[in-house]
């Protein structure tokens, strides 16, 4: 008689987060906050642009939390432009990377808004003046692939891409679900879901902590889109 040898079940992948900040006090505080929220997570750190890029050569984190004011190398002066260029490089080389920008220089992100709009990973912005709870909410949204750029938009003019309008019309004029929308647009369902996060960001529609129902978010999106005249 053959005896079945039981195999150990594979362990679930451990969440990995890279925190990039040159201020040791802020870096330590961010790490402590993330460890309390995600006790099983592996936290990686970097304090310069160079060390951040080196970390990404050997690791594939689920999320990068970074300040914009960073030195290029150890011993050099921190500059917001260095962080902006690092972020631009990360989005170009890692198009599905989830990112939370935690900085006092978030307005500088307007310089690369087109790149942020094209980015396929979660992308949220957390000014360092936010409370710990609000900051962790932005981190959670980024990990879920949500976009939140409300704090860096120039003025109130809605910047809506043609593909986003197509999604709205197919969903709310023709009543199509995401799979049918994807087939009609000849893109993947993942791309359609990505378009939804961009649409909801523009319309200021975000998940509420006590309401995780995706249908509720979709209803609020339709209401806001009609209010803004994006659909009839």
Protein backbone atom coordinates (compact mmCIF):
# COMPACT_ATOMS: atom_id res chain seq x y z
CA UNK A 1 0.00 0.00 0.00
CA UNK A 2 1.31 3.40 -0.92
CA UNK A 3 1.45 5.95 1.85
CA UNK A 4 0.78 9.55 0.94
CA UNK A 5 3.49 11.80 2.28
CA UNK A 6 2.01 15.09 3.37
CA UNK A 7 3.78 18.16 2.10
CA UNK A 8 3.98 21.34 4.19
CA UNK A 9 1.73 24.03 2.85
CA UNK A 10 3.58 27.01 1.37
CA UNK A 11 3.64 30.02 3.61
CA UNK A 12 1.77 33.07 2.35
CA UNK A 13 4.02 35.68 0.81
CA UNK A 14 5.21 38.17 3.39
CA UNK A 15 4.31 41.80 2.78
CA UNK A 16 7.44 43.79 1.96
CA UNK A 17 7.63 47.58 2.27
CA UNK A 18 10.53 49.85 1.36
CA UNK A 19 10.68 53.15 3.31
CA UNK A 20 12.88 55.89 1.81
CA UNK A 21 13.63 58.92 4.02
CA UNK A 22 16.91 60.59 4.95
CA UNK A 23 15.70 61.85 8.37
CA UNK A 24 16.39 59.11 10.91
CA UNK A 25 13.68 60.27 13.34
CA UNK A 26 11.01 60.32 10.62
CA UNK A 27 12.30 57.05 9.19
CA UNK A 28 12.11 55.38 12.60
CA UNK A 29 8.64 56.76 13.27
CA UNK A 30 7.34 55.55 9.90
CA UNK A 31 8.81 52.09 10.48
CA UNK A 32 7.20 51.82 13.94
CA UNK A 33 3.84 52.91 12.52
CA UNK A 34 3.98 50.38 9.69
CA UNK A 35 5.09 47.56 12.01
CA UNK A 36 2.09 48.17 14.27
CA UNK A 37 -0.27 48.14 11.30
CA UNK A 38 1.43 45.26 9.45
CA UNK A 39 3.20 43.19 12.13
CA UNK A 40 4.17 40.41 9.70
CA UNK A 41 5.64 42.76 7.11
CA UNK A 42 9.32 42.96 6.24
CA UNK A 43 10.41 46.61 6.33
CA UNK A 44 13.33 47.65 4.14
CA UNK A 45 14.94 51.09 4.38
CA UNK A 46 16.96 53.54 2.29
CA UNK A 47 18.16 57.08 3.02
CA UNK A 48 19.44 58.15 -0.39
CA UNK A 49 18.38 57.86 -4.03
CA UNK A 50 21.33 55.57 -4.66
CA UNK A 51 20.46 53.17 -1.80
CA UNK A 52 16.78 53.11 -2.80
CA UNK A 53 17.68 52.03 -6.35
CA UNK A 54 20.07 49.42 -4.96
CA UNK A 55 17.33 47.99 -2.75
CA UNK A 56 15.05 47.65 -5.76
CA UNK A 57 17.71 45.74 -7.67
CA UNK A 58 17.53 42.91 -5.14
CA UNK A 59 13.97 43.19 -3.76
CA UNK A 60 10.46 43.53 -5.19
CA UNK A 61 8.51 45.35 -2.46
CA UNK A 62 4.74 45.48 -2.43
CA UNK A 63 4.94 49.17 -1.56
CA UNK A 64 7.45 52.00 -1.51
CA UNK A 65 6.88 54.83 0.98
CA UNK A 66 9.18 57.71 0.13
CA UNK A 67 9.97 61.30 0.99
CA UNK A 68 10.77 63.65 -1.90
CA UNK A 69 13.56 65.59 -0.20
CA UNK A 70 16.45 63.15 -0.59
CA UNK A 71 20.20 63.26 -1.17
CA UNK A 72 21.51 61.51 -4.27
CA UNK A 73 24.28 59.83 -2.25
CA UNK A 74 25.38 59.63 1.37
CA UNK A 75 26.84 62.95 2.51
CA UNK A 76 25.14 65.05 -0.18
CA UNK A 77 22.41 67.65 0.43
CA UNK A 78 18.79 66.56 0.25
CA UNK A 79 16.78 68.16 -2.57
CA UNK A 80 13.08 67.70 -3.50
CA UNK A 81 14.05 67.43 -7.17
CA UNK A 82 16.11 64.32 -6.37
CA UNK A 83 13.06 62.60 -4.95
CA UNK A 84 10.88 63.68 -7.87
CA UNK A 85 13.37 62.24 -10.34
CA UNK A 86 13.65 59.04 -8.29
CA UNK A 87 9.89 58.67 -8.35
CA UNK A 88 9.83 59.25 -12.11
CA UNK A 89 12.46 56.53 -12.55
CA UNK A 90 10.54 54.10 -10.33
CA UNK A 91 7.29 54.58 -12.26
CA UNK A 92 9.11 54.10 -15.55
CA UNK A 93 11.02 50.98 -14.50
CA UNK A 94 8.37 49.43 -12.24
CA UNK A 95 4.98 50.36 -13.82
CA UNK A 96 2.88 48.33 -11.33
CA UNK A 97 4.76 49.34 -8.17
CA UNK A 98 2.53 50.64 -5.37
CA UNK A 99 3.74 54.00 -4.04
CA UNK A 100 2.91 56.32 -1.15
CA UNK A 101 4.66 59.69 -1.21
CA UNK A 102 5.05 60.94 2.36
CA UNK A 103 6.56 64.43 2.21
CA UNK A 104 6.19 68.11 2.99
CA UNK A 105 6.92 68.83 -0.69
CA UNK A 106 3.94 67.06 -2.25
CA UNK A 107 3.12 70.05 -4.48
CA UNK A 108 6.30 69.27 -6.44
CA UNK A 109 4.52 66.19 -7.80
CA UNK A 110 2.57 68.41 -10.18
CA UNK A 111 5.73 68.40 -12.35
CA UNK A 112 5.23 64.71 -13.11
CA UNK A 113 1.41 64.50 -13.01
CA UNK A 114 1.19 62.96 -16.53
CA UNK A 115 3.53 60.15 -15.44
CA UNK A 116 1.46 59.60 -12.29
CA UNK A 117 -1.73 59.42 -14.37
CA UNK A 118 -0.17 56.73 -16.56
CA UNK A 119 1.19 54.70 -13.65
CA UNK A 120 -0.50 51.30 -13.27
CA UNK A 121 0.21 50.72 -9.58
CA UNK A 122 -1.46 52.22 -6.54
CA UNK A 123 -0.36 55.82 -5.94
CA UNK A 124 -1.25 57.92 -2.92
CA UNK A 125 0.01 61.14 -1.40
CA UNK A 126 0.41 61.76 2.35
CA UNK A 127 1.60 65.15 3.49
CA UNK A 128 3.70 64.78 6.64
CA UNK A 129 1.21 66.97 8.50
CA UNK A 130 -1.41 64.20 8.29
CA UNK A 131 -2.28 62.19 11.38
CA UNK A 132 -0.94 58.65 11.74
CA UNK A 133 -4.40 57.26 11.03
CA UNK A 134 -4.74 59.26 7.82
CA UNK A 135 -1.26 58.29 6.70
CA UNK A 136 -2.00 54.59 7.24
CA UNK A 137 -5.22 54.97 5.27
CA UNK A 138 -3.20 56.29 2.31
CA UNK A 139 -0.80 53.36 2.65
CA UNK A 140 -3.71 50.90 2.68
CA UNK A 141 -5.20 52.51 -0.41
CA UNK A 142 -1.89 52.29 -2.28
CA UNK A 143 -1.55 48.60 -1.41
CA UNK A 144 -5.05 48.06 -2.84
CA UNK A 145 -4.06 49.76 -6.11
CA UNK A 146 -6.02 52.95 -5.45
CA UNK A 147 -4.94 56.36 -6.76
CA UNK A 148 -5.22 59.46 -4.54
CA UNK A 149 -3.72 62.68 -5.95
CA UNK A 150 -6.22 65.21 -4.65
CA UNK A 151 -3.49 67.15 -2.80
CA UNK A 152 -1.43 67.88 -5.91
CA UNK A 153 -4.01 68.89 -8.49
CA UNK A 154 -3.50 72.35 -9.98
CA UNK A 155 -6.80 74.22 -9.62
CA UNK A 156 -10.22 72.58 -9.91
CA UNK A 157 -10.27 71.81 -13.63
CA UNK A 158 -11.00 68.13 -14.17
CA UNK A 159 -8.36 66.38 -16.24
CA UNK A 160 -10.12 63.37 -17.71
CA UNK A 161 -8.55 61.08 -20.31
CA UNK A 162 -10.65 59.88 -23.30
CA UNK A 163 -10.39 56.24 -22.18
CA UNK A 164 -11.79 57.18 -18.77
CA UNK A 165 -14.81 58.83 -20.40
CA UNK A 166 -15.34 55.70 -22.50
CA UNK A 167 -15.44 53.59 -19.33
CA UNK A 168 -18.04 55.92 -17.78
CA UNK A 169 -20.25 55.83 -20.86
CA UNK A 170 -20.07 52.06 -21.28
CA UNK A 171 -20.78 51.50 -17.59
CA UNK A 172 -23.54 54.04 -17.00
CA UNK A 173 -25.08 54.53 -20.44
CA UNK A 174 -24.93 50.93 -21.66
CA UNK A 175 -24.88 49.20 -18.26
CA UNK A 176 -21.83 47.05 -19.05
CA UNK A 177 -19.78 45.28 -16.40
CA UNK A 178 -15.98 45.45 -16.36
CA UNK A 179 -15.42 42.30 -18.42
CA UNK A 180 -17.73 43.54 -21.17
CA UNK A 181 -16.13 46.99 -21.02
CA UNK A 182 -12.70 45.39 -21.41
CA UNK A 183 -13.88 43.40 -24.44
CA UNK A 184 -15.40 46.48 -26.04
CA UNK A 185 -12.27 48.56 -25.46
CA UNK A 186 -9.95 45.64 -26.33
CA UNK A 187 -8.00 45.95 -23.10
CA UNK A 188 -7.62 43.73 -20.04
CA UNK A 189 -10.00 43.78 -17.08
CA UNK A 190 -7.06 44.91 -14.96
CA UNK A 191 -6.70 47.96 -17.20
CA UNK A 192 -10.39 48.75 -16.79
CA UNK A 193 -10.08 48.50 -12.99
CA UNK A 194 -7.06 50.79 -13.22
CA UNK A 195 -9.13 53.32 -15.19
CA UNK A 196 -11.75 53.22 -12.43
CA UNK A 197 -9.19 54.20 -9.78
CA UNK A 198 -8.11 57.15 -11.94
CA UNK A 199 -11.72 58.25 -12.53
CA UNK A 200 -12.54 58.01 -8.82
CA UNK A 201 -9.45 59.98 -7.89
CA UNK A 202 -10.41 62.82 -10.25
CA UNK A 203 -13.95 62.81 -8.84
CA UNK A 204 -12.77 62.63 -5.19
CA UNK A 205 -14.48 59.28 -4.61
CA UNK A 206 -12.51 57.13 -2.17
CA UNK A 207 -13.27 54.10 0.02
CA UNK A 208 -14.73 54.90 3.42
CA UNK A 209 -13.30 53.00 6.38
CA UNK A 210 -16.69 51.77 7.52
CA UNK A 211 -17.94 51.01 4.00
CA UNK A 212 -15.96 48.46 2.02
CA UNK A 213 -18.75 47.80 -0.49
CA UNK A 214 -17.45 48.29 -4.02
CA UNK A 215 -21.00 48.82 -5.29
CA UNK A 216 -21.38 51.87 -3.05
CA UNK A 217 -18.18 53.37 -4.53
CA UNK A 218 -19.46 52.74 -8.06
CA UNK A 219 -22.78 54.45 -7.22
CA UNK A 220 -20.96 57.47 -5.79
CA UNK A 221 -18.79 57.58 -8.91
CA UNK A 222 -21.88 57.72 -11.13
CA UNK A 223 -23.41 60.50 -9.02
CA UNK A 224 -20.23 62.60 -9.10
CA UNK A 225 -19.71 62.00 -12.84
CA UNK A 226 -23.21 63.28 -13.55
CA UNK A 227 -22.72 66.28 -11.26
CA UNK A 228 -19.54 67.20 -13.15
CA UNK A 229 -21.21 66.74 -16.54
CA UNK A 230 -18.96 63.86 -17.60
CA UNK A 231 -22.05 61.77 -18.45
CA UNK A 232 -25.67 62.74 -19.08
